[in-house]
Protein backbone atom coordinates (compact mmCIF):
# COMPACT_ATOMS: atom_id res chain seq x y z
CA MET A 1 94.17 104.71 64.89
CA LYS A 2 91.54 106.91 66.49
CA LYS A 3 89.74 103.89 67.96
CA ALA A 4 92.99 102.61 69.46
CA ASP A 5 93.71 106.02 70.99
CA GLU A 6 90.22 106.23 72.48
CA GLU A 7 90.55 102.72 73.88
CA ALA A 8 93.95 103.53 75.40
CA GLU A 9 92.52 106.68 76.97
CA LEU A 10 89.57 104.73 78.38
CA ILE A 11 91.92 102.14 79.87
CA SER A 12 94.02 104.93 81.37
CA ASP A 13 90.93 106.55 82.89
CA TRP A 14 89.83 103.27 84.46
CA LYS A 15 93.32 102.69 85.88
CA PHE A 16 93.25 106.16 87.44
CA ALA A 17 89.79 105.54 88.91
CA ALA A 18 90.99 102.22 90.34
CA MET A 19 94.01 103.95 91.88
CA VAL A 20 91.78 106.57 93.53
CA VAL A 21 89.45 103.92 94.96
CA ASP A 22 92.46 101.89 96.15
CA ARG A 23 93.95 104.88 97.98
CA PHE A 24 90.58 105.72 99.53
CA CYS A 25 90.15 102.13 100.78
CA LEU A 26 93.70 102.17 102.17
CA PHE A 27 92.96 105.41 104.04
CA VAL A 28 89.66 104.09 105.45
CA PHE A 29 91.23 100.75 106.46
CA THR A 30 94.18 102.44 108.16
CA LEU A 31 91.97 104.89 110.01
CA PHE A 32 89.60 102.13 111.14
CA THR A 33 92.50 99.93 112.29
CA ILE A 34 94.07 102.73 114.32
CA ILE A 35 90.76 103.71 115.93
CA ALA A 36 89.89 100.08 116.74
CA THR A 37 93.33 99.44 118.22
CA VAL A 38 93.16 102.53 120.42
CA ALA A 39 89.61 101.65 121.52
CA VAL A 40 90.60 98.11 122.48
CA LEU A 41 93.70 99.25 124.34
CA LEU A 42 91.83 101.95 126.24
CA SER A 43 89.02 99.57 127.18
CA ALA A 44 91.43 97.13 128.83
CA PRO A 45 91.00 97.34 132.62
CA HIS A 46 94.72 97.08 133.44
CA ILE A 47 95.75 100.00 131.21
CA ILE A 48 94.04 102.75 133.20
CA VAL A 49 94.54 102.38 136.95
CA GLN A 50 92.33 104.57 139.12
């Protein structure tokens, strides 16, 4: 029983670590996408008329 409990706890720890990495990647991807979109839109010559 103890081995099964330790294995279940290890699996749970890995699932939590995967969830943390997944959220971090989502945050980085979203931030990069927003920054890239704003940069492309602001670099377009017809957007800013001087």
